[in-house]
Amino acid sequence: MITEEAELQHPPAQKIVVREKRKGRFKHGELFSLSVPGLIYLFVFSYVPMFGILIAFKNYRYDKGILGSEWVGFKNFEFLFASENAWRITRNTVLYSLTYIVVGMLIAVTLAILLTHVGKNWVKLHQTVLFLPYFVSWVVVGYIALAFLDNTSGYLNQLLGYVGLAPHKWYFESGPWPYILVIAHEWKSIGFATLIYFAGLLGINQDYYEAARIDGASKLQMVRKITLPLLLPLMTIMLILAIGNMFRGDFGLHYFVPNDSSFALPATDIIDTYVFRSLRMLGDIGMSSAAGVYQSVVGFVLVLAANYAVRKINHENALF
């Protein structure tokens, strides 16, 4: 017969399991408490404002409020689809987003792989140089672009004059702007994407590379056979998330960098900038809300479609 003292010294297995479960719950409770501020922020700034979706289906008036304004159904959405510029702004938005996704991923993955071959003393310096432009406002970037592209005193036109070439009136033509916008976007955003992929590379087990070196594999072979396959799940997740924002263009980039030049609109105008200029003239909040709902719904559908396609190809690489 087991005495009470012996039971305290050697508790039954069932009590040990219960005790371990309690410890596990407490551990998860600590993790949950750390996530509470983020959850509150997400709820207040992402879910509570969803009530404002009603504005997209109403003729909103300040004196009547959201609930008191007149229902107009899908009339506000006609602003986008019935416009003569609907095809142009939709085409520009999609093509620019696809270009940013493809070019950005290629450059970011390449830079992240190169950072793994840089000495430890230099990694932080390279990371800082790449990441600093991410914190620069598009307004500031617009002034930097103006310093280079100004028709009379821009650095680029002065350089063209020194080599005997004719200067360009960059803000009075649309041809060069697809290249300028891509360069500006990658310069500002590439540091953040590189940091994400670099963190993913640090999580790869180094034993794979040691075994490859013993077998005589070159660095290029290790990148092709080890780095890229193991980094593919992270690249897939980033791709799915980027596809969700395909119809939501970067307003700051397409408005401030071209300096809202009307001559460059055929190559720079996207849904966001078009809606902004139209609202500045009409002042209709319902139209703005309709454009936001349209972009959000399409983005949500694209995320589901992209995740479904990835799951069909490789279930492990899917986001959900």
C-alpha atoms as a PDB file:
ATOM      1  CA  MET A   1       0.000   0.000   0.000  1.00  0.00           C
ATOM      2  CA  ILE A   2       1.430   3.370  -1.058  1.00  0.00           C
ATOM      3  CA  THR A   3       1.690   5.837   1.780  1.00  0.00           C
ATOM      4  CA  GLU A   4       0.858   9.530   1.421  1.00  0.00           C
ATOM      5  CA  GLU A   5       4.539  10.480   1.892  1.00  0.00           C
ATOM      6  CA  ALA A   6       5.642   8.078  -0.857  1.00  0.00           C
ATOM      7  CA  GLU A   7       2.946   9.387  -3.136  1.00  0.00           C
ATOM      8  CA  LEU A   8       4.236  12.935  -2.661  1.00  0.00           C
ATOM      9  CA  GLN A   9       7.794  11.867  -3.413  1.00  0.00           C
ATOM     10  CA  HIS A  10       6.799   9.716  -6.406  1.00  0.00           C
ATOM     11  CA  PRO A  11       3.503  11.035  -7.806  1.00  0.00           C
ATOM     12  CA  PRO A  12       1.521   8.798 -10.137  1.00  0.00           C
ATOM     13  CA  ALA A  13       1.990   9.181 -13.896  1.00  0.00           C
ATOM     14  CA  GLN A  14      -1.502  10.624 -14.299  1.00  0.00           C
ATOM     15  CA  LYS A  15      -0.710  13.518 -11.954  1.00  0.00           C
ATOM     16  CA  ILE A  16       2.536  14.181 -13.791  1.00  0.00           C
ATOM     17  CA  VAL A  17       0.656  14.412 -17.095  1.00  0.00           C
ATOM     18  CA  VAL A  18      -1.897  16.834 -15.599  1.00  0.00           C
ATOM     19  CA  ARG A  19       0.912  18.941 -14.155  1.00  0.00           C
ATOM     20  CA  GLU A  20       2.698  19.067 -17.511  1.00  0.00           C
ATOM     21  CA  LYS A  21      -0.537  20.111 -19.230  1.00  0.00           C
ATOM     22  CA  ARG A  22      -0.952  22.965 -16.769  1.00  0.00           C
ATOM     23  CA  LYS A  23       2.599  24.090 -17.435  1.00  0.00           C
ATOM     24  CA  GLY A  24       1.950  23.962 -21.172  1.00  0.00           C
ATOM     25  CA  ARG A  25      -1.203  26.053 -20.799  1.00  0.00           C
ATOM     26  CA  PHE A  26       0.666  28.609 -18.744  1.00  0.00           C
ATOM     27  CA  LYS A  27       3.428  28.736 -21.340  1.00  0.00           C
ATOM     28  CA  HIS A  28       0.935  29.346 -24.154  1.00  0.00           C
ATOM     29  CA  GLY A  29      -0.792  31.879 -21.939  1.00  0.00           C
ATOM     30  CA  GLU A  30       2.408  33.906 -21.769  1.00  0.00           C
ATOM     31  CA  LEU A  31       2.747  33.808 -25.550  1.00  0.00           C
ATOM     32  CA  PHE A  32      -0.881  34.829 -25.936  1.00  0.00           C
ATOM     33  CA  SER A  33      -0.425  37.755 -23.545  1.00  0.00           C
ATOM     34  CA  LEU A  34       2.465  38.994 -25.700  1.00  0.00           C
ATOM     35  CA  SER A  35       0.234  38.931 -28.775  1.00  0.00           C
ATOM     36  CA  VAL A  36      -2.667  40.804 -27.107  1.00  0.00           C
ATOM     37  CA  PRO A  37      -1.448  44.332 -28.070  1.00  0.00           C
ATOM     38  CA  GLY A  38      -1.113  43.240 -31.700  1.00  0.00           C
ATOM     39  CA  LEU A  39      -4.560  41.644 -31.655  1.00  0.00           C
ATOM     40  CA  ILE A  40      -6.088  44.800 -30.173  1.00  0.00           C
ATOM     41  CA  TYR A  41      -4.372  46.926 -32.822  1.00  0.00           C
ATOM     42  CA  LEU A  42      -5.630  44.599 -35.577  1.00  0.00           C
ATOM     43  CA  PHE A  43      -9.185  44.670 -34.223  1.00  0.00           C
ATOM     44  CA  VAL A  44      -9.347  48.459 -33.775  1.00  0.00           C
ATOM     45  CA  PHE A  45      -7.731  49.483 -37.063  1.00  0.00           C
ATOM     46  CA  SER A  46      -8.746  46.593 -39.356  1.00  0.00           C
ATOM     47  CA  TYR A  47     -12.071  45.157 -38.196  1.00  0.00           C
ATOM     48  CA  VAL A  48     -13.861  48.105 -36.600  1.00  0.00           C
ATOM     49  CA  PRO A  49     -13.459  50.318 -39.720  1.00  0.00           C
ATOM     50  CA  MET A  50     -15.100  47.585 -41.834  1.00  0.00           C
ATOM     51  CA  PHE A  51     -18.387  49.144 -40.777  1.00  0.00           C
ATOM     52  CA  GLY A  52     -17.519  51.954 -43.197  1.00  0.00           C
ATOM     53  CA  ILE A  53     -18.024  49.579 -46.158  1.00  0.00           C
ATOM     54  CA  LEU A  54     -21.647  50.748 -46.063  1.00  0.00           C
ATOM     55  CA  ILE A  55     -20.522  54.097 -47.480  1.00  0.00           C
ATOM     56  CA  ALA A  56     -19.701  52.395 -50.796  1.00  0.00           C
ATOM     57  CA  PHE A  57     -23.406  51.598 -51.251  1.00  0.00           C
ATOM     58  CA  LYS A  58     -24.799  54.957 -50.099  1.00  0.00           C
ATOM     59  CA  ASN A  59     -24.977  58.558 -51.187  1.00  0.00           C
ATOM     60  CA  TYR A  60     -23.087  59.647 -48.109  1.00  0.00           C
ATOM     61  CA  ARG A  61     -23.946  62.978 -46.505  1.00  0.00           C
ATOM     62  CA  TYR A  62     -22.192  64.384 -43.477  1.00  0.00           C
ATOM     63  CA  ASP A  63     -25.382  65.731 -41.903  1.00  0.00           C
ATOM     64  CA  LYS A  64     -27.180  62.343 -42.102  1.00  0.00           C
ATOM     65  CA  GLY A  65     -24.272  60.090 -41.207  1.00  0.00           C
ATOM     66  CA  ILE A  66     -23.597  56.570 -42.465  1.00  0.00           C
ATOM     67  CA  LEU A  67     -26.856  54.970 -41.368  1.00  0.00           C
ATOM     68  CA  GLY A  68     -29.049  57.902 -42.369  1.00  0.00           C
ATOM     69  CA  SER A  69     -27.666  58.397 -45.864  1.00  0.00           C
ATOM     70  CA  GLU A  70     -29.612  57.195 -48.892  1.00  0.00           C
ATOM     71  CA  TRP A  71     -28.952  53.734 -50.328  1.00  0.00           C
ATOM     72  CA  VAL A  72     -27.801  53.856 -53.980  1.00  0.00           C
ATOM     73  CA  GLY A  73     -26.760  50.223 -54.458  1.00  0.00           C
ATOM     74  CA  PHE A  74     -23.894  49.759 -56.925  1.00  0.00           C
ATOM     75  CA  LYS A  75     -24.183  53.232 -58.416  1.00  0.00           C
ATOM     76  CA  ASN A  76     -20.886  54.325 -56.854  1.00  0.00           C
ATOM     77  CA  PHE A  77     -19.091  51.450 -58.600  1.00  0.00           C
ATOM     78  CA  GLU A  78     -20.145  52.808 -61.998  1.00  0.00           C
ATOM     79  CA  PHE A  79     -17.601  55.569 -61.397  1.00  0.00           C
ATOM     80  CA  LEU A  80     -14.804  53.058 -62.056  1.00  0.00           C
ATOM     81  CA  PHE A  81     -16.303  50.734 -64.649  1.00  0.00           C
ATOM     82  CA  ALA A  82     -18.105  53.332 -66.784  1.00  0.00           C
ATOM     83  CA  SER A  83     -15.088  55.620 -67.059  1.00  0.00           C
ATOM     84  CA  GLU A  84     -13.301  55.890 -70.380  1.00  0.00           C
ATOM     85  CA  ASN A  85     -10.011  55.485 -68.496  1.00  0.00           C
ATOM     86  CA  ALA A  86     -11.066  52.269 -66.731  1.00  0.00           C
ATOM     87  CA  TRP A  87      -9.042  49.999 -69.027  1.00  0.00           C
ATOM     88  CA  ARG A  88      -5.929  52.186 -68.823  1.00  0.00           C
ATOM     89  CA  ILE A  89      -5.791  52.469 -65.044  1.00  0.00           C
ATOM     90  CA  THR A  90      -6.607  48.777 -64.538  1.00  0.00           C
ATOM     91  CA  ARG A  91      -3.939  47.738 -67.057  1.00  0.00           C
ATOM     92  CA  ASN A  92      -1.314  49.992 -65.461  1.00  0.00           C
ATOM     93  CA  THR A  93      -2.159  48.822 -61.945  1.00  0.00           C
ATOM     94  CA  VAL A  94      -1.882  45.125 -62.818  1.00  0.00           C
ATOM     95  CA  LEU A  95       1.225  45.386 -65.014  1.00  0.00           C
ATOM     96  CA  TYR A  96       3.124  47.533 -62.524  1.00  0.00           C
ATOM     97  CA  SER A  97       2.213  45.194 -59.658  1.00  0.00           C
ATOM     98  CA  LEU A  98       3.361  42.129 -61.614  1.00  0.00           C
ATOM     99  CA  THR A  99       6.622  43.862 -62.507  1.00  0.00           C
ATOM    100  CA  TYR A 100       7.254  44.887 -58.901  1.00  0.00           C
ATOM    101  CA  ILE A 101       6.562  41.336 -57.707  1.00  0.00           C
ATOM    102  CA  VAL A 102       8.788  39.549 -60.228  1.00  0.00           C
ATOM    103  CA  VAL A 103      11.689  42.016 -60.307  1.00  0.00           C
ATOM    104  CA  GLY A 104      11.558  42.593 -56.557  1.00  0.00           C
ATOM    105  CA  MET A 105      11.651  38.883 -55.729  1.00  0.00           C
ATOM    106  CA  LEU A 106      14.547  38.192 -58.102  1.00  0.00           C
ATOM    107  CA  ILE A 107      16.645  41.066 -56.748  1.00  0.00           C
ATOM    108  CA  ALA A 108      15.768  40.408 -53.089  1.00  0.00           C
ATOM    109  CA  VAL A 109      16.598  36.686 -53.244  1.00  0.00           C
ATOM    110  CA  THR A 110      19.855  37.415 -55.083  1.00  0.00           C
ATOM    111  CA  LEU A 111      20.933  40.041 -52.539  1.00  0.00           C
ATOM    112  CA  ALA A 112      19.961  37.778 -49.629  1.00  0.00           C
ATOM    113  CA  ILE A 113      22.108  34.954 -51.039  1.00  0.00           C
ATOM    114  CA  LEU A 114      25.010  37.357 -51.570  1.00  0.00           C
ATOM    115  CA  LEU A 115      24.702  38.579 -47.959  1.00  0.00           C
ATOM    116  CA  THR A 116      25.259  35.019 -46.726  1.00  0.00           C
ATOM    117  CA  HIS A 117      28.685  35.119 -48.388  1.00  0.00           C
ATOM    118  CA  VAL A 118      29.661  38.465 -46.859  1.00  0.00           C
ATOM    119  CA  GLY A 119      31.813  38.490 -43.733  1.00  0.00           C
ATOM    120  CA  LYS A 120      30.005  38.867 -40.415  1.00  0.00           C
ATOM    121  CA  ASN A 121      31.626  42.238 -39.799  1.00  0.00           C
ATOM    122  CA  TRP A 122      30.153  43.643 -43.007  1.00  0.00           C
ATOM    123  CA  VAL A 123      26.676  42.091 -42.967  1.00  0.00           C
ATOM    124  CA  LYS A 124      25.169  44.722 -40.661  1.00  0.00           C
ATOM    125  CA  LEU A 125      26.610  47.542 -42.770  1.00  0.00           C
ATOM    126  CA  HIS A 126      25.145  46.102 -45.961  1.00  0.00           C
ATOM    127  CA  GLN A 127      21.799  45.482 -44.265  1.00  0.00           C
ATOM    128  CA  THR A 128      21.658  49.072 -43.005  1.00  0.00           C
ATOM    129  CA  VAL A 129      22.500  50.532 -46.427  1.00  0.00           C
ATOM    130  CA  LEU A 130      19.817  48.408 -48.092  1.00  0.00           C
ATOM    131  CA  PHE A 131      17.162  48.976 -45.417  1.00  0.00           C
ATOM    132  CA  LEU A 132      17.480  52.762 -44.901  1.00  0.00           C
ATOM    133  CA  PRO A 133      15.505  53.790 -48.035  1.00  0.00           C
ATOM    134  CA  TYR A 134      12.521  51.825 -46.712  1.00  0.00           C
ATOM    135  CA  PHE A 135      11.966  54.526 -44.069  1.00  0.00           C
ATOM    136  CA  VAL A 136      12.120  57.421 -46.533  1.00  0.00           C
ATOM    137  CA  SER A 137       8.737  58.988 -47.333  1.00  0.00           C
ATOM    138  CA  TRP A 138       7.533  58.975 -50.929  1.00  0.00           C
ATOM    139  CA  VAL A 139       7.256  62.745 -50.665  1.00  0.00           C
ATOM    140  CA  VAL A 140      11.002  62.913 -50.023  1.00  0.00           C
ATOM    141  CA  VAL A 141      11.649  60.397 -52.802  1.00  0.00           C
ATOM    142  CA  GLY A 142       9.632  62.642 -55.119  1.00  0.00           C
ATOM    143  CA  TYR A 143      11.940  65.574 -54.360  1.00  0.00           C
ATOM    144  CA  ILE A 144      14.990  63.347 -54.884  1.00  0.00           C
ATOM    145  CA  ALA A 145      13.587  62.316 -58.275  1.00  0.00           C
ATOM    146  CA  LEU A 146      12.950  65.995 -59.097  1.00  0.00           C
ATOM    147  CA  ALA A 147      16.587  66.807 -58.302  1.00  0.00           C
ATOM    148  CA  PHE A 148      17.663  64.236 -60.897  1.00  0.00           C
ATOM    149  CA  LEU A 149      14.945  64.730 -63.511  1.00  0.00           C
ATOM    150  CA  ASP A 150      14.223  68.468 -63.456  1.00  0.00           C
ATOM    151  CA  ASN A 151      14.015  69.799 -67.003  1.00  0.00           C
ATOM    152  CA  THR A 152      16.498  72.650 -66.502  1.00  0.00           C
ATOM    153  CA  SER A 153      18.738  71.926 -63.503  1.00  0.00           C
ATOM    154  CA  GLY A 154      18.371  68.182 -62.986  1.00  0.00           C
ATOM    155  CA  TYR A 155      21.555  66.187 -62.395  1.00  0.00           C
ATOM    156  CA  LEU A 156      20.649  63.682 -65.106  1.00  0.00           C
ATOM    157  CA  ASN A 157      20.144  66.351 -67.764  1.00  0.00           C
ATOM    158  CA  GLN A 158      23.414  67.998 -66.775  1.00  0.00           C
ATOM    159  CA  LEU A 159      25.166  64.639 -67.126  1.00  0.00           C
ATOM    160  CA  LEU A 160      23.619  64.135 -70.564  1.00  0.00           C
ATOM    161  CA  GLY A 161      24.877  67.593 -71.569  1.00  0.00           C
ATOM    162  CA  TYR A 162      28.417  66.760 -70.434  1.00  0.00           C
ATOM    163  CA  VAL A 163      28.545  63.693 -72.715  1.00  0.00           C
ATOM    164  CA  GLY A 164      27.089  65.586 -75.659  1.00  0.00           C
ATOM    165  CA  LEU A 165      23.542  64.200 -75.566  1.00  0.00           C
ATOM    166  CA  ALA A 166      20.344  66.221 -75.743  1.00  0.00           C
ATOM    167  CA  PRO A 167      18.548  66.724 -72.399  1.00  0.00           C
ATOM    168  CA  HIS A 168      15.126  65.197 -71.814  1.00  0.00           C
ATOM    169  CA  LYS A 169      11.972  66.832 -70.541  1.00  0.00           C
ATOM    170  CA  TRP A 170      11.179  63.891 -68.303  1.00  0.00           C
ATOM    171  CA  TYR A 171       7.960  65.309 -66.858  1.00  0.00           C
ATOM    172  CA  PHE A 172       6.582  66.112 -70.318  1.00  0.00           C
ATOM    173  CA  GLU A 173       6.806  62.585 -71.746  1.00  0.00           C
ATOM    174  CA  SER A 174       5.485  59.183 -70.695  1.00  0.00           C
ATOM    175  CA  GLY A 175       7.940  56.766 -72.327  1.00  0.00           C
ATOM    176  CA  PRO A 176      10.685  56.602 -69.646  1.00  0.00           C
ATOM    177  CA  TRP A 177       8.355  56.479 -66.632  1.00  0.00           C
ATOM    178  CA  PRO A 178       7.767  52.700 -66.461  1.00  0.00           C
ATOM    179  CA  TYR A 179      11.524  52.254 -65.977  1.00  0.00           C
ATOM    180  CA  ILE A 180      11.836  55.181 -63.566  1.00  0.00           C
ATOM    181  CA  LEU A 181       8.981  53.946 -61.384  1.00  0.00           C
ATOM    182  CA  VAL A 182      10.357  50.394 -61.245  1.00  0.00           C
ATOM    183  CA  ILE A 183      13.805  51.689 -60.254  1.00  0.00           C
ATOM    184  CA  ALA A 184      12.321  53.961 -57.560  1.00  0.00           C
ATOM    185  CA  HIS A 185      10.131  51.179 -56.178  1.00  0.00           C
ATOM    186  CA  GLU A 186      12.966  48.658 -55.971  1.00  0.00           C
ATOM    187  CA  TRP A 187      15.366  51.185 -54.452  1.00  0.00           C
ATOM    188  CA  LYS A 188      12.928  51.928 -51.651  1.00  0.00           C
ATOM    189  CA  SER A 189      11.456  48.495 -50.950  1.00  0.00           C
ATOM    190  CA  ILE A 190      14.198  46.013 -51.789  1.00  0.00           C
ATOM    191  CA  GLY A 191      15.869  46.270 -48.370  1.00  0.00           C
ATOM    192  CA  PHE A 192      12.821  45.004 -46.475  1.00  0.00           C
ATOM    193  CA  ALA A 193      12.291  42.046 -48.826  1.00  0.00           C
ATOM    194  CA  THR A 194      16.000  41.193 -48.706  1.00  0.00           C
ATOM    195  CA  LEU A 195      15.900  41.160 -44.911  1.00  0.00           C
ATOM    196  CA  ILE A 196      13.006  38.678 -44.913  1.00  0.00           C
ATOM    197  CA  TYR A 197      14.738  36.287 -47.310  1.00  0.00           C
ATOM    198  CA  PHE A 198      18.040  36.672 -45.468  1.00  0.00           C
ATOM    199  CA  ALA A 199      16.321  35.640 -42.233  1.00  0.00           C
ATOM    200  CA  GLY A 200      14.907  32.617 -44.068  1.00  0.00           C
ATOM    201  CA  LEU A 201      18.389  31.666 -45.291  1.00  0.00           C
ATOM    202  CA  LEU A 202      19.766  31.841 -41.751  1.00  0.00           C
ATOM    203  CA  GLY A 203      17.255  29.165 -40.748  1.00  0.00           C
ATOM    204  CA  ILE A 204      18.644  26.614 -43.210  1.00  0.00           C
ATOM    205  CA  ASN A 205      20.619  23.818 -41.586  1.00  0.00           C
ATOM    206  CA  GLN A 206      24.305  24.296 -42.423  1.00  0.00           C
ATOM    207  CA  ASP A 207      24.865  20.531 -42.465  1.00  0.00           C
ATOM    208  CA  TYR A 208      23.449  20.459 -46.001  1.00  0.00           C
ATOM    209  CA  TYR A 209      26.158  22.827 -47.200  1.00  0.00           C
ATOM    210  CA  GLU A 210      28.904  20.939 -45.355  1.00  0.00           C
ATOM    211  CA  ALA A 211      27.829  17.689 -46.999  1.00  0.00           C
ATOM    212  CA  ALA A 212      27.738  19.415 -50.402  1.00  0.00           C
ATOM    213  CA  ARG A 213      31.241  20.822 -49.929  1.00  0.00           C
ATOM    214  CA  ILE A 214      32.560  17.365 -49.063  1.00  0.00           C
ATOM    215  CA  ASP A 215      31.009  16.048 -52.291  1.00  0.00           C
ATOM    216  CA  GLY A 216      32.768  18.810 -54.239  1.00  0.00           C
ATOM    217  CA  ALA A 217      29.735  20.937 -55.105  1.00  0.00           C
ATOM    218  CA  SER A 218      30.365  24.485 -56.279  1.00  0.00           C
ATOM    219  CA  LYS A 219      28.654  27.538 -54.740  1.00  0.00           C
ATOM    220  CA  LEU A 220      26.341  27.856 -57.736  1.00  0.00           C
ATOM    221  CA  GLN A 221      25.342  24.197 -57.438  1.00  0.00           C
ATOM    222  CA  MET A 222      24.624  24.634 -53.737  1.00  0.00           C
ATOM    223  CA  VAL A 223      22.407  27.634 -54.511  1.00  0.00           C
ATOM    224  CA  ARG A 224      20.488  25.665 -57.143  1.00  0.00           C
ATOM    225  CA  LYS A 225      20.181  22.379 -55.261  1.00  0.00           C
ATOM    226  CA  ILE A 226      19.977  23.510 -51.610  1.00  0.00           C
ATOM    227  CA  THR A 227      19.291  27.228 -51.114  1.00  0.00           C
ATOM    228  CA  LEU A 228      16.504  27.824 -53.625  1.00  0.00           C
ATOM    229  CA  PRO A 229      14.522  24.599 -52.905  1.00  0.00           C
ATOM    230  CA  LEU A 230      14.617  25.247 -49.139  1.00  0.00           C
ATOM    231  CA  LEU A 231      13.753  28.926 -49.628  1.00  0.00           C
ATOM    232  CA  LEU A 232      10.865  28.120 -51.979  1.00  0.00           C
ATOM    233  CA  PRO A 233       8.151  27.861 -49.248  1.00  0.00           C
ATOM    234  CA  LEU A 234       8.970  31.375 -47.998  1.00  0.00           C
ATOM    235  CA  MET A 235       9.061  32.715 -51.547  1.00  0.00           C
ATOM    236  CA  THR A 236       5.667  31.142 -52.207  1.00  0.00           C
ATOM    237  CA  ILE A 237       4.090  32.742 -49.138  1.00  0.00           C
ATOM    238  CA  MET A 238       5.517  36.154 -50.070  1.00  0.00           C
ATOM    239  CA  LEU A 239       4.203  35.688 -53.606  1.00  0.00           C
ATOM    240  CA  ILE A 240       0.676  34.857 -52.425  1.00  0.00           C
ATOM    241  CA  LEU A 241       0.591  37.903 -50.146  1.00  0.00           C
ATOM    242  CA  ALA A 242       1.910  40.130 -52.935  1.00  0.00           C
ATOM    243  CA  ILE A 243      -0.725  38.859 -55.363  1.00  0.00           C
ATOM    244  CA  GLY A 244      -3.393  39.935 -52.874  1.00  0.00           C
ATOM    245  CA  ASN A 245      -2.229  43.548 -53.268  1.00  0.00           C
ATOM    246  CA  MET A 246      -2.045  43.421 -57.052  1.00  0.00           C
ATOM    247  CA  PHE A 247      -5.066  45.704 -57.504  1.00  0.00           C
ATOM    248  CA  ARG A 248      -3.944  48.052 -54.735  1.00  0.00           C
ATOM    249  CA  GLY A 249      -1.241  50.211 -56.286  1.00  0.00           C
ATOM    250  CA  ASP A 250       1.322  52.311 -54.451  1.00  0.00           C
ATOM    251  CA  PHE A 251      -0.292  55.758 -54.416  1.00  0.00           C
ATOM    252  CA  GLY A 252       2.769  57.586 -53.071  1.00  0.00           C
ATOM    253  CA  LEU A 253       5.063  56.171 -55.742  1.00  0.00           C
ATOM    254  CA  HIS A 254       2.755  56.906 -58.686  1.00  0.00           C
ATOM    255  CA  TYR A 255       1.681  60.344 -57.475  1.00  0.00           C
ATOM    256  CA  PHE A 256       4.734  62.009 -55.938  1.00  0.00           C
ATOM    257  CA  VAL A 257       7.571  60.608 -58.053  1.00  0.00           C
ATOM    258  CA  PRO A 258       6.044  61.700 -61.415  1.00  0.00           C
ATOM    259  CA  ASN A 259       5.041  64.945 -59.670  1.00  0.00           C
ATOM    260  CA  ASP A 260       1.426  64.372 -60.801  1.00  0.00           C
ATOM    261  CA  SER A 261       2.415  65.336 -64.325  1.00  0.00           C
ATOM    262  CA  SER A 262      -0.540  65.180 -66.708  1.00  0.00           C
ATOM    263  CA  PHE A 263       1.804  64.405 -69.622  1.00  0.00           C
ATOM    264  CA  ALA A 264       3.010  61.213 -67.904  1.00  0.00           C
ATOM    265  CA  LEU A 265      -0.460  59.946 -66.962  1.00  0.00           C
ATOM    266  CA  PRO A 266      -0.717  57.338 -69.758  1.00  0.00           C
ATOM    267  CA  ALA A 267       2.239  55.506 -68.168  1.00  0.00           C
ATOM    268  CA  THR A 268       1.879  56.416 -64.481  1.00  0.00           C
ATOM    269  CA  ASP A 269      -1.852  56.558 -63.742  1.00  0.00           C
ATOM    270  CA  ILE A 270      -3.268  53.716 -61.618  1.00  0.00           C
ATOM    271  CA  ILE A 271      -6.573  53.138 -59.833  1.00  0.00           C
ATOM    272  CA  ASP A 272      -5.509  54.910 -56.636  1.00  0.00           C
ATOM    273  CA  THR A 273      -4.212  58.073 -58.305  1.00  0.00           C
ATOM    274  CA  TYR A 274      -7.195  58.247 -60.668  1.00  0.00           C
ATOM    275  CA  VAL A 275      -9.666  58.003 -57.785  1.00  0.00           C
ATOM    276  CA  PHE A 276      -7.764  60.652 -55.830  1.00  0.00           C
ATOM    277  CA  ARG A 277      -7.827  63.160 -58.667  1.00  0.00           C
ATOM    278  CA  SER A 278     -11.500  62.468 -59.343  1.00  0.00           C
ATOM    279  CA  LEU A 279     -12.380  62.934 -55.673  1.00  0.00           C
ATOM    280  CA  ARG A 280     -10.428  66.168 -55.587  1.00  0.00           C
ATOM    281  CA  MET A 281     -12.765  67.478 -58.272  1.00  0.00           C
ATOM    282  CA  LEU A 282     -16.030  65.775 -57.244  1.00  0.00           C
ATOM    283  CA  GLY A 283     -15.563  65.284 -53.508  1.00  0.00           C
ATOM    284  CA  ASP A 284     -17.699  62.113 -53.446  1.00  0.00           C
ATOM    285  CA  ILE A 285     -16.676  59.857 -50.548  1.00  0.00           C
ATOM    286  CA  GLY A 286     -18.968  57.058 -51.733  1.00  0.00           C
ATOM    287  CA  MET A 287     -16.931  56.673 -54.926  1.00  0.00           C
ATOM    288  CA  SER A 288     -13.713  56.447 -52.943  1.00  0.00           C
ATOM    289  CA  SER A 289     -15.182  53.772 -50.684  1.00  0.00           C
ATOM    290  CA  ALA A 290     -16.447  51.845 -53.721  1.00  0.00           C
ATOM    291  CA  ALA A 291     -12.946  51.831 -55.207  1.00  0.00           C
ATOM    292  CA  GLY A 292     -11.510  50.567 -51.919  1.00  0.00           C
ATOM    293  CA  VAL A 293     -14.110  47.792 -51.658  1.00  0.00           C
ATOM    294  CA  TYR A 294     -13.448  46.784 -55.278  1.00  0.00           C
ATOM    295  CA  GLN A 295      -9.700  46.543 -54.678  1.00  0.00           C
ATOM    296  CA  SER A 296     -10.139  44.623 -51.410  1.00  0.00           C
ATOM    297  CA  VAL A 297     -12.590  42.086 -52.836  1.00  0.00           C
ATOM    298  CA  VAL A 298     -10.454  41.430 -55.907  1.00  0.00           C
ATOM    299  CA  GLY A 299      -7.358  41.122 -53.720  1.00  0.00           C
ATOM    300  CA  PHE A 300      -9.115  38.629 -51.441  1.00  0.00           C
ATOM    301  CA  VAL A 301     -10.204  36.522 -54.420  1.00  0.00           C
ATOM    302  CA  LEU A 302      -6.685  36.605 -55.871  1.00  0.00           C
ATOM    303  CA  VAL A 303      -5.186  35.401 -52.576  1.00  0.00           C
ATOM    304  CA  LEU A 304      -7.627  32.488 -52.446  1.00  0.00           C
ATOM    305  CA  ALA A 305      -6.987  31.612 -56.098  1.00  0.00           C
ATOM    306  CA  ALA A 306      -3.197  31.808 -55.756  1.00  0.00           C
ATOM    307  CA  ASN A 307      -3.220  29.741 -52.570  1.00  0.00           C
ATOM    308  CA  TYR A 308      -5.508  27.151 -54.210  1.00  0.00           C
ATOM    309  CA  ALA A 309      -3.154  26.853 -57.193  1.00  0.00           C
ATOM    310  CA  VAL A 310      -0.111  26.466 -54.929  1.00  0.00           C
ATOM    311  CA  ARG A 311      -1.898  23.889 -52.789  1.00  0.00           C
ATOM    312  CA  LYS A 312      -2.688  21.845 -55.909  1.00  0.00           C
ATOM    313  CA  ILE A 313       0.980  21.877 -56.904  1.00  0.00           C
ATOM    314  CA  ASN A 314       2.528  21.402 -53.468  1.00  0.00           C
ATOM    315  CA  HIS A 315       0.317  21.338 -50.383  1.00  0.00           C
ATOM    316  CA  GLU A 316       3.222  22.073 -48.010  1.00  0.00           C
ATOM    317  CA  ASN A 317       4.033  25.397 -49.673  1.00  0.00           C
ATOM    318  CA  ALA A 318       0.468  26.765 -49.404  1.00  0.00           C
ATOM    319  CA  LEU A 319      -0.317  29.597 -47.018  1.00  0.00           C
ATOM    320  CA  PHE A 320      -3.434  27.876 -45.611  1.00  0.00           C
END
